N, C-alpha and C. Protein backbone atom coordinates (compact mmCIF):
# COMPACT_ATOMS: atom_id res chain seq x y z
N MET A 1 11.98 12.97 -13.08
CA MET A 1 13.27 12.29 -12.97
C MET A 1 13.91 12.22 -14.35
N THR A 2 15.10 12.79 -14.49
CA THR A 2 15.76 12.80 -15.78
C THR A 2 16.47 11.50 -16.05
N ALA A 3 16.75 11.24 -17.33
CA ALA A 3 17.47 10.02 -17.69
C ALA A 3 18.86 10.02 -17.07
N ALA A 4 19.50 11.20 -17.01
CA ALA A 4 20.84 11.28 -16.42
C ALA A 4 20.82 10.93 -14.95
N THR A 5 19.81 11.45 -14.24
CA THR A 5 19.69 11.13 -12.82
C THR A 5 19.44 9.65 -12.63
N ALA A 6 18.57 9.09 -13.45
CA ALA A 6 18.28 7.66 -13.35
C ALA A 6 19.52 6.84 -13.60
N ALA A 7 20.32 7.24 -14.60
CA ALA A 7 21.52 6.49 -14.92
C ALA A 7 22.53 6.52 -13.79
N ALA A 8 22.53 7.66 -13.02
CA ALA A 8 23.51 7.80 -11.94
C ALA A 8 23.07 7.10 -10.66
N ALA A 9 21.79 6.76 -10.56
CA ALA A 9 21.27 6.18 -9.33
C ALA A 9 21.70 4.73 -9.19
N ALA A 10 22.13 4.38 -7.98
CA ALA A 10 22.45 2.99 -7.67
C ALA A 10 21.32 2.46 -6.80
N ILE A 11 20.39 1.78 -7.42
CA ILE A 11 19.18 1.35 -6.72
C ILE A 11 19.39 -0.03 -6.11
N HIS A 12 19.17 -0.10 -4.79
CA HIS A 12 19.27 -1.38 -4.08
C HIS A 12 17.91 -1.89 -3.62
N LEU A 13 16.89 -1.02 -3.71
CA LEU A 13 15.54 -1.40 -3.29
C LEU A 13 14.53 -0.70 -4.18
N VAL A 14 13.53 -1.46 -4.65
CA VAL A 14 12.35 -0.85 -5.25
C VAL A 14 11.21 -1.02 -4.25
N LEU A 15 10.66 0.10 -3.83
CA LEU A 15 9.60 0.13 -2.82
C LEU A 15 8.29 0.48 -3.53
N PHE A 16 7.36 -0.46 -3.51
CA PHE A 16 6.11 -0.31 -4.24
C PHE A 16 4.96 0.06 -3.31
N ASP A 17 4.11 0.95 -3.76
CA ASP A 17 2.77 1.06 -3.19
C ASP A 17 2.01 -0.21 -3.59
N MET A 18 0.98 -0.57 -2.85
CA MET A 18 0.24 -1.77 -3.22
C MET A 18 -1.01 -1.43 -4.03
N GLU A 19 -1.99 -0.81 -3.39
CA GLU A 19 -3.26 -0.57 -4.07
C GLU A 19 -3.15 0.62 -5.01
N GLY A 20 -3.48 0.35 -6.26
CA GLY A 20 -3.26 1.34 -7.30
C GLY A 20 -2.04 1.04 -8.14
N VAL A 21 -1.20 0.12 -7.65
CA VAL A 21 -0.01 -0.29 -8.40
C VAL A 21 0.00 -1.81 -8.56
N LEU A 22 0.19 -2.53 -7.47
CA LEU A 22 0.25 -3.99 -7.52
C LEU A 22 -1.14 -4.62 -7.49
N SER A 23 -2.13 -3.83 -7.16
CA SER A 23 -3.51 -4.31 -7.20
C SER A 23 -4.44 -3.15 -7.50
N HIS A 24 -5.62 -3.48 -7.97
CA HIS A 24 -6.67 -2.50 -8.19
C HIS A 24 -7.54 -2.47 -6.94
N TYR A 25 -7.92 -1.27 -6.53
CA TYR A 25 -8.70 -1.10 -5.32
C TYR A 25 -10.07 -0.54 -5.66
N ASP A 26 -11.12 -1.27 -5.25
CA ASP A 26 -12.50 -0.87 -5.53
C ASP A 26 -13.19 -0.55 -4.20
N ARG A 27 -13.18 0.71 -3.85
CA ARG A 27 -13.75 1.14 -2.58
C ARG A 27 -15.25 0.83 -2.51
N GLU A 28 -15.94 1.02 -3.62
CA GLU A 28 -17.39 0.80 -3.61
C GLU A 28 -17.73 -0.67 -3.40
N ALA A 29 -16.94 -1.56 -4.00
CA ALA A 29 -17.17 -2.99 -3.79
C ALA A 29 -17.02 -3.35 -2.32
N ARG A 30 -16.07 -2.72 -1.67
CA ARG A 30 -15.87 -2.95 -0.25
C ARG A 30 -17.07 -2.48 0.56
N ALA A 31 -17.57 -1.28 0.24
CA ALA A 31 -18.72 -0.74 0.96
C ALA A 31 -19.96 -1.60 0.77
N VAL A 32 -20.17 -2.05 -0.45
CA VAL A 32 -21.34 -2.88 -0.74
C VAL A 32 -21.25 -4.21 -0.01
N ARG A 33 -20.07 -4.81 -0.02
CA ARG A 33 -19.91 -6.11 0.65
C ARG A 33 -20.08 -5.99 2.15
N LEU A 34 -19.49 -4.96 2.76
CA LEU A 34 -19.61 -4.82 4.20
C LEU A 34 -21.05 -4.49 4.59
N ALA A 35 -21.74 -3.71 3.78
CA ALA A 35 -23.15 -3.42 4.05
C ALA A 35 -23.97 -4.70 4.04
N ALA A 36 -23.71 -5.55 3.07
CA ALA A 36 -24.46 -6.80 2.98
C ALA A 36 -24.19 -7.70 4.18
N LEU A 37 -22.96 -7.71 4.65
CA LEU A 37 -22.58 -8.57 5.77
C LEU A 37 -23.09 -8.06 7.11
N THR A 38 -23.34 -6.76 7.21
CA THR A 38 -23.72 -6.18 8.50
C THR A 38 -25.16 -5.68 8.52
N GLY A 39 -25.88 -5.84 7.42
CA GLY A 39 -27.27 -5.44 7.39
C GLY A 39 -27.49 -3.94 7.41
N THR A 40 -26.52 -3.20 6.88
CA THR A 40 -26.67 -1.75 6.81
C THR A 40 -26.62 -1.33 5.35
N THR A 41 -26.28 -0.08 5.06
CA THR A 41 -26.27 0.41 3.69
C THR A 41 -24.85 0.81 3.28
N PRO A 42 -24.55 0.79 1.98
CA PRO A 42 -23.23 1.27 1.53
C PRO A 42 -22.95 2.70 1.96
N ALA A 43 -23.97 3.54 1.96
CA ALA A 43 -23.76 4.92 2.39
C ALA A 43 -23.34 4.99 3.85
N ALA A 44 -23.94 4.16 4.69
CA ALA A 44 -23.56 4.13 6.11
C ALA A 44 -22.14 3.63 6.28
N VAL A 45 -21.76 2.64 5.48
CA VAL A 45 -20.39 2.11 5.54
C VAL A 45 -19.39 3.18 5.11
N ARG A 46 -19.69 3.86 4.01
CA ARG A 46 -18.77 4.91 3.54
C ARG A 46 -18.57 5.98 4.60
N GLU A 47 -19.63 6.38 5.24
CA GLU A 47 -19.52 7.40 6.29
C GLU A 47 -18.72 6.89 7.48
N ALA A 48 -18.98 5.65 7.88
CA ALA A 48 -18.29 5.09 9.06
C ALA A 48 -16.80 4.92 8.82
N ILE A 49 -16.44 4.43 7.63
CA ILE A 49 -15.03 4.15 7.36
C ILE A 49 -14.27 5.40 6.98
N TRP A 50 -14.81 6.15 6.01
CA TRP A 50 -14.05 7.27 5.46
C TRP A 50 -14.56 8.63 5.92
N GLY A 51 -15.87 8.81 5.94
CA GLY A 51 -16.41 10.10 6.32
C GLY A 51 -16.05 10.51 7.74
N SER A 52 -16.00 9.54 8.64
CA SER A 52 -15.69 9.81 10.04
C SER A 52 -14.21 10.04 10.30
N GLY A 53 -13.38 9.67 9.34
CA GLY A 53 -11.93 9.74 9.55
C GLY A 53 -11.36 8.56 10.29
N LEU A 54 -12.21 7.56 10.59
CA LEU A 54 -11.76 6.42 11.39
C LEU A 54 -10.65 5.64 10.70
N GLU A 55 -10.83 5.33 9.41
CA GLU A 55 -9.82 4.53 8.72
C GLU A 55 -8.50 5.28 8.59
N ALA A 56 -8.57 6.59 8.35
CA ALA A 56 -7.35 7.38 8.25
C ALA A 56 -6.56 7.32 9.56
N ARG A 57 -7.27 7.34 10.68
CA ARG A 57 -6.59 7.26 11.98
C ARG A 57 -5.95 5.89 12.17
N ALA A 58 -6.64 4.84 11.76
CA ALA A 58 -6.07 3.50 11.87
C ALA A 58 -4.86 3.35 10.96
N ASP A 59 -4.95 3.87 9.74
CA ASP A 59 -3.83 3.78 8.80
C ASP A 59 -2.60 4.51 9.32
N ALA A 60 -2.81 5.57 10.08
CA ALA A 60 -1.70 6.35 10.63
C ALA A 60 -1.16 5.78 11.94
N GLY A 61 -1.72 4.66 12.36
CA GLY A 61 -1.23 4.02 13.58
C GLY A 61 -1.79 4.61 14.86
N GLU A 62 -2.83 5.44 14.75
CA GLU A 62 -3.41 6.04 15.95
C GLU A 62 -4.32 5.08 16.70
N LEU A 63 -4.84 4.07 15.99
CA LEU A 63 -5.75 3.10 16.59
C LEU A 63 -5.23 1.69 16.35
N ALA A 64 -5.13 0.90 17.39
CA ALA A 64 -4.79 -0.51 17.24
C ALA A 64 -5.92 -1.22 16.50
N PRO A 65 -5.63 -2.33 15.82
CA PRO A 65 -6.67 -3.00 15.03
C PRO A 65 -7.94 -3.31 15.80
N ASP A 66 -7.83 -3.84 17.00
CA ASP A 66 -9.04 -4.19 17.74
C ASP A 66 -9.83 -2.96 18.15
N VAL A 67 -9.13 -1.87 18.44
CA VAL A 67 -9.81 -0.61 18.77
C VAL A 67 -10.54 -0.08 17.55
N TYR A 68 -9.87 -0.15 16.42
CA TYR A 68 -10.47 0.28 15.15
C TYR A 68 -11.72 -0.53 14.84
N LEU A 69 -11.64 -1.84 14.95
CA LEU A 69 -12.79 -2.69 14.64
C LEU A 69 -13.96 -2.42 15.60
N ARG A 70 -13.64 -2.22 16.85
CA ARG A 70 -14.70 -1.95 17.82
C ARG A 70 -15.39 -0.61 17.50
N ALA A 71 -14.59 0.39 17.17
CA ALA A 71 -15.15 1.70 16.83
C ALA A 71 -15.99 1.63 15.56
N LEU A 72 -15.53 0.86 14.57
CA LEU A 72 -16.28 0.71 13.33
C LEU A 72 -17.61 0.02 13.60
N GLY A 73 -17.60 -1.01 14.43
CA GLY A 73 -18.83 -1.68 14.79
C GLY A 73 -19.81 -0.75 15.48
N GLU A 74 -19.30 0.10 16.37
CA GLU A 74 -20.18 1.05 17.06
C GLU A 74 -20.82 2.02 16.08
N LEU A 75 -20.05 2.48 15.11
CA LEU A 75 -20.59 3.41 14.11
C LEU A 75 -21.66 2.74 13.23
N LEU A 76 -21.50 1.45 13.00
CA LEU A 76 -22.44 0.72 12.15
C LEU A 76 -23.55 0.04 12.95
N GLY A 77 -23.43 0.08 14.26
CA GLY A 77 -24.46 -0.54 15.10
C GLY A 77 -24.42 -2.05 15.09
N CYS A 78 -23.21 -2.61 15.06
CA CYS A 78 -23.08 -4.08 15.04
C CYS A 78 -21.76 -4.46 15.68
N ASP A 79 -21.58 -5.75 15.91
CA ASP A 79 -20.29 -6.28 16.34
C ASP A 79 -19.44 -6.51 15.09
N MET A 80 -18.26 -5.93 15.05
CA MET A 80 -17.39 -6.07 13.89
C MET A 80 -16.23 -7.00 14.23
N ASP A 81 -16.29 -8.22 13.68
CA ASP A 81 -15.18 -9.14 13.90
C ASP A 81 -14.21 -9.08 12.71
N ARG A 82 -13.07 -9.69 12.90
CA ARG A 82 -12.06 -9.64 11.86
C ARG A 82 -12.51 -10.34 10.59
N GLU A 83 -13.21 -11.44 10.72
CA GLU A 83 -13.63 -12.21 9.55
C GLU A 83 -14.53 -11.38 8.65
N THR A 84 -15.45 -10.65 9.24
CA THR A 84 -16.36 -9.81 8.46
C THR A 84 -15.61 -8.69 7.77
N TRP A 85 -14.75 -8.02 8.53
CA TRP A 85 -13.97 -6.91 7.96
C TRP A 85 -13.08 -7.40 6.81
N LEU A 86 -12.44 -8.53 7.02
CA LEU A 86 -11.53 -9.06 6.00
C LEU A 86 -12.28 -9.50 4.75
N ALA A 87 -13.46 -10.08 4.91
CA ALA A 87 -14.23 -10.50 3.74
C ALA A 87 -14.59 -9.30 2.87
N ALA A 88 -14.98 -8.19 3.51
CA ALA A 88 -15.30 -6.99 2.75
C ALA A 88 -14.04 -6.38 2.13
N ARG A 89 -12.97 -6.40 2.88
CA ARG A 89 -11.70 -5.83 2.36
C ARG A 89 -11.20 -6.63 1.17
N ARG A 90 -11.36 -7.95 1.24
CA ARG A 90 -10.93 -8.78 0.13
C ARG A 90 -11.72 -8.49 -1.14
N ALA A 91 -12.99 -8.14 -0.98
CA ALA A 91 -13.84 -7.83 -2.13
C ALA A 91 -13.35 -6.60 -2.89
N SER A 92 -12.52 -5.77 -2.24
CA SER A 92 -12.05 -4.54 -2.86
C SER A 92 -10.76 -4.71 -3.65
N ILE A 93 -10.13 -5.87 -3.56
CA ILE A 93 -8.78 -6.06 -4.10
C ILE A 93 -8.78 -7.00 -5.29
N THR A 94 -8.20 -6.54 -6.40
CA THR A 94 -7.94 -7.38 -7.56
C THR A 94 -6.47 -7.25 -7.91
N PRO A 95 -5.68 -8.30 -7.79
CA PRO A 95 -4.25 -8.20 -8.09
C PRO A 95 -4.01 -7.73 -9.53
N ASN A 96 -3.00 -6.88 -9.69
CA ASN A 96 -2.55 -6.43 -11.00
C ASN A 96 -1.41 -7.36 -11.41
N ASP A 97 -1.75 -8.43 -12.10
CA ASP A 97 -0.76 -9.49 -12.38
C ASP A 97 0.42 -8.98 -13.19
N ALA A 98 0.19 -8.07 -14.12
CA ALA A 98 1.28 -7.57 -14.95
C ALA A 98 2.27 -6.75 -14.13
N ALA A 99 1.76 -5.92 -13.23
CA ALA A 99 2.65 -5.13 -12.37
C ALA A 99 3.40 -6.03 -11.40
N ILE A 100 2.73 -7.04 -10.87
CA ILE A 100 3.39 -7.99 -9.96
C ILE A 100 4.51 -8.72 -10.70
N ALA A 101 4.28 -9.07 -11.96
CA ALA A 101 5.32 -9.73 -12.74
C ALA A 101 6.53 -8.84 -12.92
N LEU A 102 6.33 -7.54 -13.13
CA LEU A 102 7.45 -6.62 -13.24
C LEU A 102 8.21 -6.51 -11.91
N ALA A 103 7.48 -6.52 -10.81
CA ALA A 103 8.14 -6.52 -9.51
C ALA A 103 8.99 -7.77 -9.33
N GLY A 104 8.48 -8.89 -9.82
CA GLY A 104 9.26 -10.12 -9.76
C GLY A 104 10.54 -10.03 -10.57
N ARG A 105 10.47 -9.38 -11.72
CA ARG A 105 11.68 -9.18 -12.53
C ARG A 105 12.67 -8.26 -11.79
N ALA A 106 12.16 -7.22 -11.15
CA ALA A 106 13.04 -6.32 -10.40
C ALA A 106 13.74 -7.06 -9.26
N ALA A 107 13.03 -8.04 -8.68
CA ALA A 107 13.61 -8.79 -7.56
C ALA A 107 14.82 -9.62 -7.96
N GLN A 108 15.02 -9.82 -9.25
CA GLN A 108 16.19 -10.54 -9.72
C GLN A 108 17.44 -9.68 -9.67
N HIS A 109 17.26 -8.37 -9.53
CA HIS A 109 18.39 -7.44 -9.56
C HIS A 109 18.59 -6.68 -8.26
N CYS A 110 17.55 -6.55 -7.45
CA CYS A 110 17.65 -5.79 -6.20
C CYS A 110 16.56 -6.26 -5.25
N ARG A 111 16.54 -5.68 -4.07
CA ARG A 111 15.49 -6.01 -3.11
C ARG A 111 14.19 -5.32 -3.50
N ILE A 112 13.08 -5.89 -3.09
CA ILE A 112 11.78 -5.28 -3.31
C ILE A 112 10.99 -5.32 -2.00
N ALA A 113 10.11 -4.33 -1.84
CA ALA A 113 9.25 -4.27 -0.65
C ALA A 113 8.02 -3.45 -1.00
N VAL A 114 7.05 -3.48 -0.10
CA VAL A 114 5.80 -2.74 -0.26
C VAL A 114 5.61 -1.84 0.94
N LEU A 115 5.18 -0.60 0.68
CA LEU A 115 4.77 0.32 1.73
C LEU A 115 3.37 0.81 1.38
N THR A 116 2.39 0.47 2.20
CA THR A 116 0.99 0.75 1.89
C THR A 116 0.32 1.55 3.00
N ASN A 117 -0.48 2.53 2.61
CA ASN A 117 -1.27 3.30 3.57
C ASN A 117 -2.41 2.42 4.07
N ASN A 118 -2.12 1.63 5.07
CA ASN A 118 -3.11 0.72 5.64
C ASN A 118 -2.77 0.44 7.09
N CYS A 119 -3.72 -0.14 7.79
CA CYS A 119 -3.47 -0.59 9.15
C CYS A 119 -2.90 -2.01 9.11
N GLY A 120 -2.52 -2.50 10.26
CA GLY A 120 -1.87 -3.80 10.33
C GLY A 120 -2.75 -4.97 9.93
N LEU A 121 -4.06 -4.79 9.93
CA LEU A 121 -4.94 -5.88 9.52
C LEU A 121 -4.66 -6.31 8.09
N VAL A 122 -4.31 -5.36 7.23
CA VAL A 122 -4.05 -5.69 5.83
C VAL A 122 -2.77 -6.50 5.69
N THR A 123 -1.71 -6.07 6.33
CA THR A 123 -0.45 -6.80 6.19
C THR A 123 -0.47 -8.12 6.97
N ASP A 124 -1.16 -8.15 8.10
CA ASP A 124 -1.22 -9.39 8.89
C ASP A 124 -1.98 -10.49 8.16
N TYR A 125 -2.93 -10.12 7.32
CA TYR A 125 -3.77 -11.10 6.63
C TYR A 125 -3.60 -11.02 5.11
N LEU A 126 -2.41 -10.64 4.68
CA LEU A 126 -2.21 -10.45 3.25
C LEU A 126 -2.31 -11.75 2.47
N ASP A 127 -1.96 -12.88 3.09
CA ASP A 127 -2.11 -14.17 2.41
C ASP A 127 -3.55 -14.40 1.97
N TYR A 128 -4.49 -13.91 2.74
CA TYR A 128 -5.91 -14.03 2.40
C TYR A 128 -6.37 -12.92 1.48
N LEU A 129 -5.91 -11.70 1.74
CA LEU A 129 -6.40 -10.54 1.00
C LEU A 129 -5.81 -10.42 -0.40
N ASN A 130 -4.54 -10.71 -0.53
CA ASN A 130 -3.85 -10.50 -1.81
C ASN A 130 -2.75 -11.55 -1.96
N PRO A 131 -3.12 -12.80 -2.23
CA PRO A 131 -2.13 -13.89 -2.25
C PRO A 131 -0.94 -13.68 -3.18
N PRO A 132 -1.11 -13.15 -4.41
CA PRO A 132 0.07 -13.00 -5.27
C PRO A 132 1.11 -12.04 -4.70
N VAL A 133 0.66 -10.95 -4.09
CA VAL A 133 1.59 -10.00 -3.48
C VAL A 133 2.26 -10.63 -2.26
N ALA A 134 1.48 -11.33 -1.45
CA ALA A 134 2.04 -11.99 -0.28
C ALA A 134 3.10 -13.00 -0.67
N GLN A 135 2.84 -13.75 -1.73
CA GLN A 135 3.79 -14.78 -2.15
C GLN A 135 5.09 -14.18 -2.66
N LEU A 136 4.99 -13.08 -3.43
CA LEU A 136 6.20 -12.49 -4.00
C LEU A 136 7.02 -11.73 -2.96
N PHE A 137 6.36 -10.94 -2.13
CA PHE A 137 7.08 -10.03 -1.23
C PHE A 137 7.35 -10.61 0.15
N GLY A 138 6.66 -11.69 0.50
CA GLY A 138 6.90 -12.31 1.79
C GLY A 138 6.70 -11.36 2.95
N GLU A 139 7.68 -11.27 3.83
CA GLU A 139 7.57 -10.42 5.02
C GLU A 139 7.85 -8.95 4.73
N CYS A 140 8.25 -8.65 3.51
CA CYS A 140 8.64 -7.27 3.18
C CYS A 140 7.45 -6.44 2.68
N VAL A 141 6.35 -6.53 3.40
CA VAL A 141 5.16 -5.72 3.13
C VAL A 141 4.84 -4.96 4.41
N TYR A 142 4.89 -3.64 4.34
CA TYR A 142 4.80 -2.81 5.53
C TYR A 142 3.59 -1.89 5.46
N ALA A 143 2.82 -1.88 6.54
CA ALA A 143 1.72 -0.94 6.69
C ALA A 143 2.26 0.35 7.29
N CYS A 144 1.82 1.48 6.75
CA CYS A 144 2.28 2.76 7.28
C CYS A 144 1.92 2.92 8.75
N ALA A 145 0.87 2.24 9.19
CA ALA A 145 0.50 2.32 10.61
C ALA A 145 1.66 1.93 11.52
N SER A 146 2.54 1.07 11.04
CA SER A 146 3.68 0.63 11.84
C SER A 146 4.66 1.76 12.12
N PHE A 147 4.60 2.80 11.29
CA PHE A 147 5.57 3.89 11.40
C PHE A 147 4.94 5.18 11.89
N GLY A 148 3.66 5.12 12.28
CA GLY A 148 3.01 6.25 12.91
C GLY A 148 2.68 7.41 11.99
N ALA A 149 2.62 7.15 10.70
CA ALA A 149 2.29 8.21 9.74
C ALA A 149 1.93 7.56 8.41
N THR A 150 1.14 8.26 7.62
CA THR A 150 0.82 7.77 6.29
C THR A 150 1.58 8.58 5.25
N LYS A 151 1.80 7.96 4.10
CA LYS A 151 2.34 8.71 2.97
C LYS A 151 1.38 9.86 2.66
N PRO A 152 1.87 11.05 2.36
CA PRO A 152 3.23 11.41 1.94
C PRO A 152 4.14 11.93 3.03
N ALA A 153 3.86 11.69 4.30
CA ALA A 153 4.75 12.16 5.37
C ALA A 153 6.10 11.45 5.29
N ALA A 154 7.17 12.19 5.45
CA ALA A 154 8.52 11.61 5.37
C ALA A 154 8.70 10.48 6.38
N GLN A 155 8.05 10.60 7.53
CA GLN A 155 8.18 9.58 8.58
C GLN A 155 7.80 8.19 8.09
N ALA A 156 6.82 8.11 7.20
CA ALA A 156 6.38 6.81 6.70
C ALA A 156 7.47 6.15 5.86
N TYR A 157 8.04 6.89 4.92
CA TYR A 157 9.09 6.33 4.07
C TYR A 157 10.34 6.01 4.88
N LEU A 158 10.78 6.96 5.69
CA LEU A 158 12.04 6.80 6.39
C LEU A 158 11.96 5.74 7.47
N GLY A 159 10.80 5.59 8.10
CA GLY A 159 10.63 4.51 9.07
C GLY A 159 10.74 3.16 8.41
N CYS A 160 10.14 3.02 7.24
CA CYS A 160 10.20 1.77 6.50
C CYS A 160 11.63 1.46 6.07
N LEU A 161 12.33 2.47 5.53
CA LEU A 161 13.69 2.24 5.06
C LEU A 161 14.64 1.93 6.21
N ALA A 162 14.42 2.55 7.36
CA ALA A 162 15.25 2.23 8.53
C ALA A 162 15.09 0.77 8.92
N GLN A 163 13.87 0.28 8.86
CA GLN A 163 13.64 -1.13 9.19
C GLN A 163 14.30 -2.05 8.18
N LEU A 164 14.35 -1.63 6.93
CA LEU A 164 14.97 -2.43 5.88
C LEU A 164 16.48 -2.25 5.81
N GLY A 165 17.00 -1.21 6.45
CA GLY A 165 18.43 -0.95 6.42
C GLY A 165 18.92 -0.44 5.08
N ILE A 166 18.09 0.35 4.40
CA ILE A 166 18.40 0.89 3.09
C ILE A 166 18.35 2.42 3.14
N ALA A 167 19.29 3.07 2.48
CA ALA A 167 19.32 4.53 2.45
C ALA A 167 18.29 5.06 1.45
N PRO A 168 17.74 6.25 1.70
CA PRO A 168 16.77 6.82 0.77
C PRO A 168 17.29 6.93 -0.67
N ASP A 169 18.55 7.34 -0.83
CA ASP A 169 19.06 7.55 -2.19
C ASP A 169 19.41 6.25 -2.89
N GLU A 170 19.22 5.13 -2.20
CA GLU A 170 19.38 3.81 -2.82
C GLU A 170 18.03 3.17 -3.17
N THR A 171 16.97 3.96 -3.00
CA THR A 171 15.61 3.43 -3.11
C THR A 171 14.85 4.09 -4.25
N LEU A 172 14.15 3.28 -5.02
CA LEU A 172 13.21 3.77 -6.02
C LEU A 172 11.81 3.46 -5.52
N PHE A 173 10.99 4.49 -5.39
CA PHE A 173 9.62 4.34 -4.89
C PHE A 173 8.64 4.49 -6.04
N ILE A 174 7.63 3.62 -6.06
CA ILE A 174 6.60 3.62 -7.11
C ILE A 174 5.24 3.77 -6.45
N ASP A 175 4.47 4.78 -6.88
CA ASP A 175 3.13 5.00 -6.31
C ASP A 175 2.26 5.63 -7.39
N ASP A 176 0.95 5.36 -7.32
CA ASP A 176 0.04 5.96 -8.29
C ASP A 176 -0.40 7.35 -7.89
N GLY A 177 -0.12 7.79 -6.68
CA GLY A 177 -0.54 9.10 -6.21
C GLY A 177 0.58 10.12 -6.33
N GLU A 178 0.31 11.22 -7.00
CA GLU A 178 1.34 12.24 -7.20
C GLU A 178 1.83 12.81 -5.87
N ALA A 179 0.93 13.03 -4.92
CA ALA A 179 1.35 13.55 -3.62
C ALA A 179 2.32 12.61 -2.93
N ASN A 180 2.09 11.31 -3.06
CA ASN A 180 2.98 10.33 -2.43
C ASN A 180 4.33 10.29 -3.13
N VAL A 181 4.33 10.45 -4.44
CA VAL A 181 5.59 10.53 -5.19
C VAL A 181 6.38 11.75 -4.73
N GLN A 182 5.72 12.88 -4.63
CA GLN A 182 6.41 14.11 -4.20
C GLN A 182 6.91 13.98 -2.76
N GLY A 183 6.14 13.31 -1.91
CA GLY A 183 6.59 13.09 -0.54
C GLY A 183 7.84 12.24 -0.48
N ALA A 184 7.90 11.22 -1.33
CA ALA A 184 9.08 10.36 -1.38
C ALA A 184 10.31 11.15 -1.86
N LEU A 185 10.12 11.96 -2.90
CA LEU A 185 11.23 12.78 -3.40
C LEU A 185 11.73 13.73 -2.32
N ALA A 186 10.80 14.34 -1.58
CA ALA A 186 11.19 15.26 -0.51
C ALA A 186 11.95 14.55 0.61
N ALA A 187 11.66 13.25 0.78
CA ALA A 187 12.35 12.47 1.81
C ALA A 187 13.69 11.91 1.33
N GLY A 188 14.04 12.18 0.07
CA GLY A 188 15.35 11.78 -0.45
C GLY A 188 15.37 10.53 -1.27
N LEU A 189 14.20 9.94 -1.54
CA LEU A 189 14.13 8.74 -2.38
C LEU A 189 14.05 9.16 -3.84
N HIS A 190 14.40 8.26 -4.73
CA HIS A 190 14.01 8.39 -6.13
C HIS A 190 12.56 7.92 -6.21
N ALA A 191 11.80 8.49 -7.12
CA ALA A 191 10.38 8.12 -7.17
C ALA A 191 9.81 8.34 -8.56
N CYS A 192 8.88 7.47 -8.93
CA CYS A 192 8.16 7.57 -10.20
C CYS A 192 6.69 7.31 -9.94
N ARG A 193 5.86 8.01 -10.69
CA ARG A 193 4.42 7.79 -10.57
C ARG A 193 3.99 6.64 -11.46
N PHE A 194 3.20 5.73 -10.90
CA PHE A 194 2.64 4.63 -11.68
C PHE A 194 1.44 5.15 -12.47
N VAL A 195 1.52 4.98 -13.79
CA VAL A 195 0.42 5.35 -14.68
C VAL A 195 -0.20 4.10 -15.28
N ASP A 196 0.66 3.24 -15.79
CA ASP A 196 0.24 1.96 -16.35
C ASP A 196 1.45 1.05 -16.37
N VAL A 197 1.22 -0.19 -16.74
CA VAL A 197 2.30 -1.18 -16.68
C VAL A 197 3.42 -0.84 -17.67
N GLU A 198 3.07 -0.32 -18.83
CA GLU A 198 4.08 0.01 -19.82
C GLU A 198 5.01 1.11 -19.30
N THR A 199 4.45 2.11 -18.66
CA THR A 199 5.26 3.18 -18.08
C THR A 199 6.13 2.64 -16.95
N LEU A 200 5.57 1.77 -16.12
CA LEU A 200 6.35 1.17 -15.04
C LEU A 200 7.55 0.41 -15.61
N ALA A 201 7.34 -0.36 -16.64
CA ALA A 201 8.45 -1.11 -17.24
C ALA A 201 9.55 -0.16 -17.72
N ARG A 202 9.17 0.94 -18.35
CA ARG A 202 10.17 1.89 -18.82
C ARG A 202 10.92 2.53 -17.65
N ASP A 203 10.20 2.86 -16.59
CA ASP A 203 10.86 3.47 -15.43
C ASP A 203 11.83 2.49 -14.77
N LEU A 204 11.43 1.25 -14.63
CA LEU A 204 12.33 0.26 -14.03
C LEU A 204 13.56 0.03 -14.90
N GLN A 205 13.37 0.08 -16.20
CA GLN A 205 14.51 -0.05 -17.11
C GLN A 205 15.44 1.14 -16.98
N ARG A 206 14.89 2.35 -16.88
CA ARG A 206 15.72 3.56 -16.76
C ARG A 206 16.59 3.51 -15.51
N PHE A 207 16.07 2.92 -14.47
CA PHE A 207 16.83 2.85 -13.22
C PHE A 207 17.66 1.57 -13.13
N GLY A 208 17.66 0.78 -14.18
CA GLY A 208 18.54 -0.38 -14.25
C GLY A 208 18.15 -1.54 -13.39
N VAL A 209 16.85 -1.64 -13.02
CA VAL A 209 16.45 -2.75 -12.14
C VAL A 209 15.74 -3.86 -12.89
N ILE A 210 15.46 -3.64 -14.17
CA ILE A 210 15.07 -4.76 -15.04
C ILE A 210 15.82 -4.60 -16.35
N GLY A 211 16.03 -5.70 -17.06
CA GLY A 211 16.73 -5.64 -18.33
C GLY A 211 15.84 -5.23 -19.47
């Protein structure tokens, strides 16, 4: 994104990825915690959640939360309730306070929202999983599962923006994944890759959403 393009952009929404930007995500901590809670091993958890493709299907909206939890329990040989799943999921999340503070500054100049590759369990229980993000963004936190596709598919971005009533060219998208940044650009959004908080601050300044 060139400085000239940034200067010409009229940004009405900054759309943030959550994990990797507004929070740090520790997949191994999640696996270890869920293994401890279910009496299995981290390797078995990793295979059940990611190796099987189960979580990817849930994130894409192919499986309703209760169906996903039941299938996960079957793979692990246990009953999987929401409390157990959420406790392990919470163990994987550490809020990035500096990035959240920058999002708060952006909110003084335009709208802000979150689009995350997750199923509805994450957004439904965000007050428990990631309180600082829940407090700042309120109801404007969207799971890609709601739109039937995960980033970098255009359907994920455009479904979210349609719900928000914002045009792609009025939106700045921030994500730590290069593929997701490229997907957003292909869908007509402005987009920057999150590298660190200092780079994020410069990008938000270039687009005129923080002073």
